[in-house]
Protein backbone atom coordinates (compact mmCIF):
# COMPACT_ATOMS: atom_id res chain seq x y z
CA UNK A 1 -75.23 25.70 -81.03
CA UNK A 2 -77.00 28.49 -79.07
CA UNK A 3 -80.14 28.52 -80.61
CA UNK A 4 -81.28 25.07 -80.10
CA UNK A 5 -83.55 23.87 -78.04
CA UNK A 6 -82.67 20.96 -75.55
CA UNK A 7 -84.73 18.43 -77.60
CA UNK A 8 -83.32 19.72 -80.47
CA UNK A 9 -79.84 19.45 -79.72
CA UNK A 10 -80.30 15.40 -78.11
CA UNK A 11 -82.13 14.49 -81.25
CA UNK A 12 -79.69 15.96 -84.11
CA UNK A 13 -76.81 14.49 -81.40
CA UNK A 14 -78.66 11.00 -81.74
CA UNK A 15 -79.53 11.24 -85.32
CA UNK A 16 -76.95 8.58 -87.11
CA UNK A 17 -77.18 11.44 -90.10
CA UNK A 18 -75.61 13.94 -88.11
CA UNK A 19 -72.14 15.36 -88.84
CA UNK A 20 -71.50 18.25 -86.80
CA UNK A 21 -73.15 21.25 -84.95
CA UNK A 22 -71.01 24.09 -86.32
CA UNK A 23 -68.00 24.95 -84.43
CA UNK A 24 -64.75 26.13 -85.05
CA UNK A 25 -62.08 23.99 -85.78
CA UNK A 26 -59.84 23.33 -82.84
CA UNK A 27 -56.87 22.77 -84.56
CA UNK A 28 -57.44 26.37 -86.01
CA UNK A 29 -58.27 27.76 -82.61
CA UNK A 30 -55.03 26.58 -80.92
CA UNK A 31 -52.82 27.92 -83.83
CA UNK A 32 -54.52 31.25 -83.82
CA UNK A 33 -54.17 32.13 -80.09
CA UNK A 34 -50.56 30.23 -80.32
CA UNK A 35 -49.44 32.61 -83.07
CA UNK A 36 -51.21 35.75 -81.05
CA UNK A 37 -49.48 34.91 -78.10
CA UNK A 38 -46.25 34.28 -79.99
CA UNK A 39 -46.59 37.69 -81.45
CA UNK A 40 -46.93 39.67 -78.56
CA UNK A 41 -43.71 38.10 -77.00
CA UNK A 42 -41.60 38.78 -79.54
CA UNK A 43 -43.11 42.41 -79.82
CA UNK A 44 -42.89 42.85 -76.09
CA UNK A 45 -39.36 41.37 -76.08
CA UNK A 46 -38.14 43.56 -78.74
CA UNK A 47 -39.26 46.71 -77.28
CA UNK A 48 -37.89 45.66 -73.67
CA UNK A 49 -34.64 45.19 -75.09
CA UNK A 50 -34.20 48.20 -77.31
CA UNK A 51 -35.46 50.05 -74.13
CA UNK A 52 -32.62 48.50 -72.03
CA UNK A 53 -30.22 49.64 -74.41
CA UNK A 54 -31.57 53.20 -74.72
CA UNK A 55 -31.71 53.46 -71.04
CA UNK A 56 -28.31 52.31 -70.74
CA UNK A 57 -26.96 54.72 -73.49
CA UNK A 58 -28.74 57.43 -71.79
CA UNK A 59 -26.51 57.24 -68.58
CA UNK A 60 -23.42 56.21 -70.41
CA UNK A 61 -23.76 57.85 -73.91
CA UNK A 62 -21.46 56.90 -76.58
CA UNK A 63 -20.79 53.31 -75.31
CA UNK A 64 -23.44 51.42 -77.04
CA UNK A 65 -23.03 50.21 -81.07
CA UNK A 66 -26.56 48.92 -81.90
CA UNK A 67 -25.68 46.91 -84.81
CA UNK A 68 -23.06 44.25 -82.67
CA UNK A 69 -27.06 43.79 -80.78
CA UNK A 70 -28.54 42.76 -84.03
CA UNK A 71 -27.48 39.20 -83.65
CA UNK A 72 -27.85 38.90 -80.17
CA UNK A 73 -31.42 40.36 -80.33
CA UNK A 74 -32.73 38.03 -83.08
CA UNK A 75 -31.26 34.64 -81.49
CA UNK A 76 -32.80 35.81 -78.13
CA UNK A 77 -36.02 36.57 -79.86
CA UNK A 78 -36.08 32.85 -81.34
CA UNK A 79 -34.56 31.16 -78.27
CA UNK A 80 -37.56 32.42 -75.98
CA UNK A 81 -40.52 31.69 -77.84
CA UNK A 82 -39.08 28.09 -78.31
CA UNK A 83 -38.87 27.97 -74.35
CA UNK A 84 -42.40 28.89 -74.33
CA UNK A 85 -43.47 26.44 -76.57
CA UNK A 86 -41.71 23.46 -74.55
CA UNK A 87 -43.56 24.42 -71.43
CA UNK A 88 -46.83 24.46 -73.44
CA UNK A 89 -47.37 28.30 -73.38
CA UNK A 90 -48.65 28.52 -77.00
CA UNK A 91 -51.44 28.78 -76.23
CA UNK A 92 -51.97 27.56 -73.00
CA UNK A 93 -55.31 26.60 -72.67
CA UNK A 94 -56.36 25.32 -69.26
CA UNK A 95 -53.31 26.82 -67.58
CA UNK A 96 -54.78 29.46 -64.89
CA UNK A 97 -52.91 33.20 -64.24
CA UNK A 98 -50.95 31.86 -61.30
CA UNK A 99 -49.62 28.98 -63.11
CA UNK A 100 -48.90 30.97 -66.58
CA UNK A 101 -46.88 33.11 -64.22
CA UNK A 102 -44.59 30.83 -62.45
CA UNK A 103 -44.02 28.91 -65.86
CA UNK A 104 -43.06 32.25 -67.40
CA UNK A 105 -40.84 33.36 -64.41
CA UNK A 106 -38.98 29.79 -64.60
CA UNK A 107 -38.75 29.92 -68.35
CA UNK A 108 -37.45 33.50 -68.97
CA UNK A 109 -34.63 33.19 -65.82
CA UNK A 110 -33.35 29.84 -67.54
CA UNK A 111 -33.27 31.39 -71.12
CA UNK A 112 -31.35 34.22 -69.36
CA UNK A 113 -28.84 31.76 -67.31
CA UNK A 114 -28.10 29.97 -70.65
CA UNK A 115 -27.65 33.43 -72.39
CA UNK A 116 -25.29 34.35 -69.69
CA UNK A 117 -23.62 31.35 -69.63
CA UNK A 118 -22.96 31.57 -73.45
CA UNK A 119 -21.72 34.72 -73.50
CA UNK A 120 -18.94 33.53 -71.30
CA UNK A 121 -17.67 31.43 -74.73
CA UNK A 122 -18.04 34.92 -76.67
CA UNK A 123 -14.54 36.46 -77.07
CA UNK A 124 -15.89 40.02 -77.24
CA UNK A 125 -18.02 39.76 -74.38
CA UNK A 126 -17.01 42.70 -72.47
CA UNK A 127 -18.29 44.52 -75.85
CA UNK A 128 -21.75 43.81 -74.43
CA UNK A 129 -23.93 45.67 -71.55
CA UNK A 130 -24.24 43.76 -68.74
CA UNK A 131 -26.61 46.87 -67.22
CA UNK A 132 -28.73 45.70 -70.38
CA UNK A 133 -28.99 42.14 -70.12
CA UNK A 134 -29.92 42.16 -66.35
CA UNK A 135 -32.03 45.23 -67.44
CA UNK A 136 -33.79 42.97 -70.20
CA UNK A 137 -34.06 40.29 -67.34
CA UNK A 138 -36.02 42.09 -65.18
CA UNK A 139 -38.43 43.74 -67.21
CA UNK A 140 -39.04 40.33 -68.97
CA UNK A 141 -40.55 39.14 -65.94
CA UNK A 142 -42.92 42.25 -65.52
CA UNK A 143 -43.96 43.03 -68.84
CA UNK A 144 -44.31 39.45 -70.34
CA UNK A 145 -46.75 38.52 -68.20
CA UNK A 146 -48.50 41.96 -68.31
CA UNK A 147 -49.05 41.71 -71.51
CA UNK A 148 -50.01 38.09 -72.22
CA UNK A 149 -52.90 38.68 -69.02
CA UNK A 150 -54.02 41.49 -71.04
CA UNK A 151 -54.18 39.91 -74.68
CA UNK A 152 -56.07 36.53 -72.80
CA UNK A 153 -58.80 38.90 -70.86
CA UNK A 154 -59.32 40.34 -74.82
CA UNK A 155 -59.64 37.28 -76.40
CA UNK A 156 -61.10 35.55 -73.82
CA UNK A 157 -64.23 37.22 -74.73
CA UNK A 158 -64.16 36.16 -78.49
CA UNK A 159 -66.24 33.36 -79.34
CA UNK A 160 -63.44 31.62 -81.20
CA UNK A 161 -61.26 31.89 -78.09
CA UNK A 162 -60.50 28.64 -76.54
CA UNK A 163 -61.24 24.55 -76.81
CA UNK A 164 -64.62 23.39 -75.84
CA UNK A 165 -64.98 20.83 -72.96
CA UNK A 166 -67.83 18.49 -72.02
CA UNK A 167 -68.75 18.33 -68.16
CA UNK A 168 -69.66 14.71 -67.17
CA UNK A 169 -72.16 15.73 -64.05
CA UNK A 170 -74.29 18.05 -63.61
CA UNK A 171 -74.92 18.08 -59.89
CA UNK A 172 -73.14 20.82 -57.33
CA UNK A 173 -69.93 19.73 -58.77
CA UNK A 174 -70.79 20.07 -62.29
CA UNK A 175 -72.70 23.41 -62.12
CA UNK A 176 -69.41 24.91 -59.83
CA UNK A 177 -67.09 23.62 -62.51
CA UNK A 178 -69.15 25.29 -65.15
CA UNK A 179 -69.49 28.61 -63.25
CA UNK A 180 -65.90 28.63 -62.71
CA UNK A 181 -64.75 27.97 -66.18
CA UNK A 182 -67.54 30.79 -67.32
CA UNK A 183 -66.31 33.14 -65.01
CA UNK A 184 -62.51 32.66 -66.08
CA UNK A 185 -62.84 32.55 -69.47
CA UNK A 186 -59.26 33.55 -70.31
CA UNK A 187 -58.29 30.12 -69.28
CA UNK A 188 -59.89 29.16 -72.35
CA UNK A 189 -61.78 26.18 -71.16
CA UNK A 190 -65.04 26.54 -72.88
CA UNK A 191 -68.01 24.19 -71.45
CA UNK A 192 -70.18 23.47 -74.58
CA UNK A 193 -72.57 20.72 -72.56
CA UNK A 194 -72.72 18.77 -69.60
CA UNK A 195 -74.05 15.25 -69.42
CA UNK A 196 -76.03 13.22 -66.52
CA UNK A 197 -78.10 10.44 -65.95
CA UNK A 198 -80.58 12.29 -63.90
CA UNK A 199 -83.54 13.32 -65.70
CA UNK A 200 -84.28 16.27 -62.95
CA UNK A 201 -81.04 17.58 -64.42
CA UNK A 202 -81.63 18.32 -67.78
CA UNK A 203 -82.31 21.47 -68.60
CA UNK A 204 -79.50 24.39 -68.38
CA UNK A 205 -76.76 25.82 -66.35
CA UNK A 206 -75.55 29.23 -67.06
CA UNK A 207 -77.02 29.14 -70.71
CA UNK A 208 -74.65 25.54 -70.81
CA UNK A 209 -77.21 22.64 -72.34
CA UNK A 210 -77.32 19.58 -69.88
CA UNK A 211 -78.37 16.19 -71.51
CA UNK A 212 -78.15 12.59 -70.95
CA UNK A 213 -77.94 9.76 -70.03
CA UNK A 214 -74.20 9.26 -70.12
CA UNK A 215 -74.81 6.70 -73.23
CA UNK A 216 -74.29 9.67 -75.34
CA UNK A 217 -70.67 10.85 -74.45
CA UNK A 218 -69.06 8.27 -77.13
CA UNK A 219 -71.16 9.87 -79.87
CA UNK A 220 -70.42 13.62 -78.16
CA UNK A 221 -66.73 13.07 -78.28
CA UNK A 222 -66.71 11.79 -81.75
CA UNK A 223 -69.30 13.94 -83.78
CA UNK A 224 -68.64 17.50 -81.34
CA UNK A 225 -64.88 16.75 -82.14
CA UNK A 226 -64.14 17.57 -78.27
CA UNK A 227 -61.03 15.94 -77.28
CA UNK A 228 -61.63 17.54 -73.50
CA UNK A 229 -63.62 16.47 -70.46
CA UNK A 230 -64.25 17.42 -66.96
CA UNK A 231 -65.80 14.56 -64.49
CA UNK A 232 -67.79 16.08 -61.80
CA UNK A 233 -69.19 13.52 -59.95
CA UNK A 234 -67.36 13.31 -56.47
CA UNK A 235 -70.24 12.33 -54.72
CA UNK A 236 -71.65 9.20 -56.60
CA UNK A 237 -70.51 5.83 -55.00
CA UNK A 238 -67.28 4.81 -55.37
CA UNK A 239 -67.63 1.90 -57.32
CA UNK A 240 -69.84 3.75 -59.95
CA UNK A 241 -67.43 6.66 -60.33
CA UNK A 242 -64.58 4.16 -61.38
CA UNK A 243 -66.91 2.61 -63.69
CA UNK A 244 -67.02 6.05 -65.44
CA UNK A 245 -63.84 7.01 -65.31
CA UNK A 246 -62.69 3.90 -67.26
CA UNK A 247 -65.87 3.85 -69.57
CA UNK A 248 -65.69 7.38 -70.94
CA UNK A 249 -62.45 8.62 -70.09
CA UNK A 250 -60.89 6.42 -73.54
CA UNK A 251 -63.09 8.87 -75.77
CA UNK A 252 -60.87 11.83 -74.72
CA UNK A 253 -57.44 13.03 -75.18
CA UNK A 254 -57.87 14.63 -71.75
CA UNK A 255 -59.94 14.04 -69.41
CA UNK A 256 -60.16 15.90 -65.50
CA UNK A 257 -61.58 14.15 -62.31
CA UNK A 258 -63.13 16.33 -60.01
CA UNK A 259 -62.40 14.16 -56.93
CA UNK A 260 -64.27 14.29 -53.46
CA UNK A 261 -61.90 16.65 -51.43
CA UNK A 262 -64.47 16.70 -48.35
CA UNK A 263 -65.58 20.52 -48.42
CA UNK A 264 -61.87 21.29 -49.36
CA UNK A 265 -63.01 24.20 -52.34
CA UNK A 266 -59.48 23.79 -54.31
CA UNK A 267 -59.22 22.35 -57.59
CA UNK A 268 -55.88 22.61 -58.00
CA UNK A 269 -54.10 19.94 -55.86
CA UNK A 270 -50.37 18.36 -56.10
CA UNK A 271 -50.81 14.55 -57.00
CA UNK A 272 -48.69 12.09 -55.10
CA UNK A 273 -47.70 8.39 -56.55
CA UNK A 274 -47.61 6.44 -53.38
CA UNK A 275 -45.98 3.18 -54.81
CA UNK A 276 -48.62 2.86 -57.67
CA UNK A 277 -51.25 4.39 -55.41
CA UNK A 278 -52.66 7.86 -56.37
CA UNK A 279 -52.50 10.46 -53.40
CA UNK A 280 -53.47 13.60 -53.57
CA UNK A 281 -51.51 16.34 -51.57
CA UNK A 282 -53.58 19.32 -49.72
CA UNK A 283 -51.38 21.80 -48.29
CA UNK A 284 -51.74 24.39 -45.99
CA UNK A 285 -48.46 26.19 -47.51
CA UNK A 286 -48.70 29.19 -45.84
CA UNK A 287 -48.19 27.69 -42.23
CA UNK A 288 -44.93 26.45 -43.29
CA UNK A 289 -42.11 28.49 -41.68
CA UNK A 290 -39.74 29.26 -44.76
CA UNK A 291 -43.04 30.26 -46.29
CA UNK A 292 -43.68 32.47 -43.55
CA UNK A 293 -40.07 33.88 -43.57
CA UNK A 294 -40.26 34.44 -47.36
CA UNK A 295 -42.98 36.31 -46.88
CA UNK A 296 -41.96 38.17 -43.76
CA UNK A 297 -39.08 39.67 -46.47
CA UNK A 298 -41.16 40.56 -49.12
CA UNK A 299 -43.56 42.27 -46.99
CA UNK A 300 -40.88 44.62 -45.04
CA UNK A 301 -39.42 45.40 -48.53
CA UNK A 302 -42.13 46.18 -50.35
CA UNK A 303 -44.15 48.15 -47.70
CA UNK A 304 -41.23 50.25 -46.97
CA UNK A 305 -40.81 51.25 -50.54
CA UNK A 306 -44.38 52.03 -51.16
CA UNK A 307 -44.74 53.77 -48.02
CA UNK A 308 -41.84 56.10 -49.06
CA UNK A 309 -42.98 56.52 -52.52
CA UNK A 310 -46.74 57.11 -51.23
CA UNK A 311 -45.52 59.62 -48.38
CA UNK A 312 -46.68 62.91 -50.41
CA UNK A 313 -49.67 61.34 -51.21
CA UNK A 314 -50.20 60.16 -47.53
CA UNK A 315 -49.71 64.12 -46.86
CA UNK A 316 -51.94 65.50 -49.29
CA UNK A 317 -54.87 63.01 -47.94
CA UNK A 318 -54.06 64.13 -44.45
CA UNK A 319 -54.61 67.82 -44.81
CA UNK A 320 -58.08 67.01 -47.46
CA UNK A 321 -59.52 64.99 -44.48
CA UNK A 322 -58.67 67.74 -41.80
CA UNK A 323 -60.11 70.35 -44.28
CA UNK A 324 -63.46 68.31 -44.91
CA UNK A 325 -65.19 67.40 -41.84
CA UNK A 326 -64.63 67.41 -37.58
CA UNK A 327 -62.77 64.80 -36.08
CA UNK A 328 -59.14 62.74 -35.98
CA UNK A 329 -57.40 62.42 -39.42
CA UNK A 330 -56.46 58.58 -38.56
CA UNK A 331 -59.38 56.04 -37.56
CA UNK A 332 -57.76 53.28 -34.91
CA UNK A 333 -60.25 49.83 -34.72
CA UNK A 334 -59.24 46.15 -33.04
CA UNK A 335 -58.87 43.61 -35.36
CA UNK A 336 -58.11 39.92 -35.05
CA UNK A 337 -54.45 38.93 -35.62
CA UNK A 338 -52.41 36.11 -35.69
CA UNK A 339 -52.70 33.21 -33.26
CA UNK A 340 -56.02 35.02 -31.73
CA UNK A 341 -54.10 37.93 -30.76
CA UNK A 342 -55.66 41.40 -30.96
CA UNK A 343 -54.30 44.39 -32.69
CA UNK A 344 -55.66 48.34 -34.20
CA UNK A 345 -55.35 48.72 -37.45
CA UNK A 346 -54.75 52.13 -38.95
CA UNK A 347 -56.62 53.83 -41.54
CA UNK A 348 -57.68 57.03 -42.73
CA UNK A 349 -61.32 58.44 -41.17
CA UNK A 350 -63.67 57.86 -43.75
CA UNK A 351 -66.83 58.61 -41.61
CA UNK A 352 -68.29 60.87 -39.39
CA UNK A 353 -67.10 60.94 -35.78
CA UNK A 354 -70.85 59.67 -35.05
CA UNK A 355 -70.45 56.91 -37.48
CA UNK A 356 -71.47 53.96 -34.84
CA UNK A 357 -74.83 55.58 -33.49
CA UNK A 358 -76.05 56.72 -37.35
CA UNK A 359 -75.41 52.88 -38.37
CA UNK A 360 -77.37 51.66 -34.94
CA UNK A 361 -79.97 54.18 -35.67
CA UNK A 362 -80.18 53.51 -39.91
CA UNK A 363 -79.99 49.74 -39.20
CA UNK A 364 -83.30 49.55 -36.43
CA UNK A 365 -85.39 51.94 -39.20
CA UNK A 366 -84.26 49.81 -42.39
CA UNK A 367 -84.74 46.10 -42.89
CA UNK A 368 -83.56 45.87 -46.38
CA UNK A 369 -80.62 47.53 -45.34
CA UNK A 370 -80.21 45.29 -42.21
CA UNK A 371 -80.58 42.41 -44.27
CA UNK A 372 -77.94 43.85 -46.54
CA UNK A 373 -75.15 44.40 -43.67
CA UNK A 374 -76.02 40.88 -42.34
CA UNK A 375 -75.02 39.35 -45.68
CA UNK A 376 -71.88 41.78 -46.75
CA UNK A 377 -71.25 43.48 -43.42
CA UNK A 378 -70.71 46.43 -45.45
CA UNK A 379 -73.66 48.74 -47.23
CA UNK A 380 -73.06 50.49 -50.96
CA UNK A 381 -74.80 53.59 -49.93
CA UNK A 382 -73.39 54.15 -46.07
CA UNK A 383 -74.50 57.23 -45.05
CA UNK A 384 -71.75 57.65 -42.33
CA UNK A 385 -69.36 58.23 -45.19
CA UNK A 386 -67.63 61.99 -45.45
CA UNK A 387 -67.29 63.42 -48.68
CA UNK A 388 -63.91 62.64 -48.65
CA UNK A 389 -64.36 59.33 -47.18
CA UNK A 390 -66.40 58.13 -50.75
CA UNK A 391 -63.33 59.02 -52.63
CA UNK A 392 -60.98 57.31 -50.32
CA UNK A 393 -62.95 53.86 -50.11
CA UNK A 394 -63.44 54.00 -53.77
CA UNK A 395 -59.75 54.19 -54.41
CA UNK A 396 -58.90 52.57 -51.42
CA UNK A 397 -56.80 54.97 -50.51
CA UNK A 398 -58.03 54.82 -46.91
CA UNK A 399 -55.77 51.66 -46.15
CA UNK A 400 -52.29 53.95 -47.16
CA UNK A 401 -51.69 53.99 -43.43
CA UNK A 402 -51.62 49.92 -43.06
CA UNK A 403 -48.24 50.04 -44.75
CA UNK A 404 -47.16 50.97 -40.58
CA UNK A 405 -48.98 48.03 -39.37
CA UNK A 406 -47.19 45.67 -42.14
CA UNK A 407 -43.59 47.40 -41.10
CA UNK A 408 -44.70 46.64 -37.42
CA UNK A 409 -45.28 42.80 -38.14
CA UNK A 410 -49.29 43.08 -37.35
CA UNK A 411 -50.31 42.50 -40.88
CA UNK A 412 -49.10 41.67 -44.16
CA UNK A 413 -49.02 43.39 -48.05
CA UNK A 414 -51.43 40.04 -49.13
CA UNK A 415 -53.52 38.15 -46.53
CA UNK A 416 -56.81 36.87 -45.36
CA UNK A 417 -59.11 40.09 -44.37
CA UNK A 418 -58.44 41.50 -40.87
CA UNK A 419 -61.55 40.39 -39.06
CA UNK A 420 -63.15 42.02 -36.55
CA UNK A 421 -63.64 40.41 -32.82
CA UNK A 422 -67.20 40.16 -32.97
CA UNK A 423 -67.12 38.32 -36.41
CA UNK A 424 -65.52 35.56 -35.17
CA UNK A 425 -68.67 33.45 -34.21
CA UNK A 426 -70.05 34.00 -37.61
CA UNK A 427 -66.74 32.26 -39.57
CA UNK A 428 -68.14 29.01 -39.37
CA UNK A 429 -64.82 27.05 -38.13
CA UNK A 430 -62.86 28.92 -40.72
CA UNK A 431 -61.05 31.00 -37.97
CA UNK A 432 -58.97 27.85 -36.78
CA UNK A 433 -57.12 28.11 -40.23
CA UNK A 434 -57.66 32.10 -41.03
CA UNK A 435 -56.40 33.26 -37.40
CA UNK A 436 -52.67 31.07 -37.92
CA UNK A 437 -51.89 33.71 -40.29
CA UNK A 438 -51.31 37.45 -40.41
CA UNK A 439 -54.37 39.40 -42.30
CA UNK A 440 -53.69 40.93 -45.22
CA UNK A 441 -53.95 44.81 -46.54
CA UNK A 442 -55.54 43.10 -49.65
CA UNK A 443 -55.95 39.66 -50.36
CA UNK A 444 -57.72 37.23 -52.74
CA UNK A 445 -61.26 37.81 -52.32
CA UNK A 446 -60.71 42.00 -52.83
CA UNK A 447 -59.07 41.39 -56.21
CA UNK A 448 -61.66 39.13 -57.68
CA UNK A 449 -65.45 39.57 -56.00
CA UNK A 450 -64.36 42.38 -53.77
CA UNK A 451 -67.20 43.85 -51.79
CA UNK A 452 -69.79 41.83 -53.94
CA UNK A 453 -69.09 38.44 -52.00
CA UNK A 454 -70.44 37.54 -48.95
CA UNK A 455 -69.17 37.06 -45.65
CA UNK A 456 -69.31 33.46 -45.83
CA UNK A 457 -67.54 33.36 -49.30
CA UNK A 458 -64.75 35.94 -48.10
CA UNK A 459 -64.03 33.18 -45.70
CA UNK A 460 -63.63 30.22 -48.52
CA UNK A 461 -61.53 32.33 -50.01
CA UNK A 462 -59.03 33.35 -47.33
CA UNK A 463 -58.95 29.52 -46.59
CA UNK A 464 -57.98 28.76 -50.13
CA UNK A 465 -55.78 31.30 -50.07
CA UNK A 466 -53.79 29.90 -47.26
CA UNK A 467 -53.65 26.56 -48.42
CA UNK A 468 -52.62 27.52 -52.20
CA UNK A 469 -50.20 30.22 -51.16
CA UNK A 470 -47.10 30.83 -53.40
CA UNK A 471 -45.08 33.95 -53.98
CA UNK A 472 -46.28 33.87 -57.63
CA UNK A 473 -49.98 34.07 -56.05
CA UNK A 474 -48.80 36.78 -53.66
CA UNK A 475 -47.59 38.86 -56.99
CA UNK A 476 -50.35 37.98 -59.18
CA UNK A 477 -52.57 39.35 -56.22
CA UNK A 478 -50.48 42.45 -55.98
CA UNK A 479 -50.66 43.33 -59.26
CA UNK A 480 -54.48 43.12 -59.70
CA UNK A 481 -54.56 45.17 -56.40
CA UNK A 482 -53.04 47.76 -58.12
CA UNK A 483 -55.22 47.19 -61.30
CA UNK A 484 -58.29 47.08 -59.28
CA UNK A 485 -57.92 50.40 -56.92
CA UNK A 486 -56.96 52.45 -60.18
CA UNK A 487 -60.23 51.52 -61.59
CA UNK A 488 -62.19 51.67 -58.03
CA UNK A 489 -63.63 48.80 -59.23
CA UNK A 490 -66.32 47.15 -56.88
CA UNK A 491 -65.27 49.38 -53.92
CA UNK A 492 -67.64 51.11 -51.05
């Protein structure tokens, strides 16, 4: 299809002799992806169960009789995939990473709860290890989501992964939908083409053909065998939008409507039935008191644990900085905290002691660097960095001392960026929401675009995070942070 010109595509689709553009069978795609994920789940679960028994036998040798567990393992390996299937996780196209993590956590926990209840009905329940049972549950919560994420990431680059989607509307909303689906290919919704009545929009968006008018939609749905559509025309007059939804959604098994959310960037908004009327619930989840308490408990536990684990590395980096260049080991800088408060953020020093003077001189002399700094508030090849500082920045090791800021309650592990006071005037009104929560060591923008995103994009992402916060989102960001930091991707 990619080799066809726009005119050829339109002509072929409208031809009465047209059968179908060569595409993979949709059912075969779903079965193939489902079987792959099913196999991964079975393999990971088997390894986890065996590993738990081996660990149990290591601490209390001679008490484990593996033959007794064969029946339980076989039954469990059938129960988990059945639960995952009921929750729509095979193949799970259209489910984002956060929702998959949430669904997996609930499904795994429910299955283990059922197994725990059934175990009381077994006469020889004392012969089975509770330690191995609990360890299997804990390891499953960690490694099944990781394995699935890696599999989705790998296969998302394959041409057959996912199912085709038609985008109805090629304006700004349609373009955002296409760009988002192209960027997050692991979701499995592949934009095949877009349709619009506006002739000026015909052409291509990110290599996706845009044709029209909307009267070709029935033929597209039938001849291309597509049962997913996304109607992205939020700015069209309400009456016309109603006509479009009623006229064209009936040709698809699944039709997603992108509403006008008055500048709110989230596509994942909860629906509410208000006596037969559709309501869209937009929350500021991180502003709830219960959320704040849960997040604080999470911060203290994880920050304290990671501080103890990282202590040898912290001492080593301190010595390394002292040997490499003149100046203090730690760098303190004033940042904006919750409710417009100010605090001193703690970092390892990565720059020369006269860094600010160097920056002013450099921006005066080089207009290109000045333009780069205006957009990103950072520079890729920053001459202020020391030799050690470049390495610390690349792997974000300079932020290790911020665990102390978290323990003190000035910061959170995950949250919006810790903005400097002079940046407040450039936040375009976003500061009203961003400064209602604690800034984080890591955040959503750091694990998505890191330093490739503009200042405005970081603000928007921070607001998105506050509106859509959940413990699962924090766990996802924390896992992604570890991966991104380890690879040194996008940091400078």
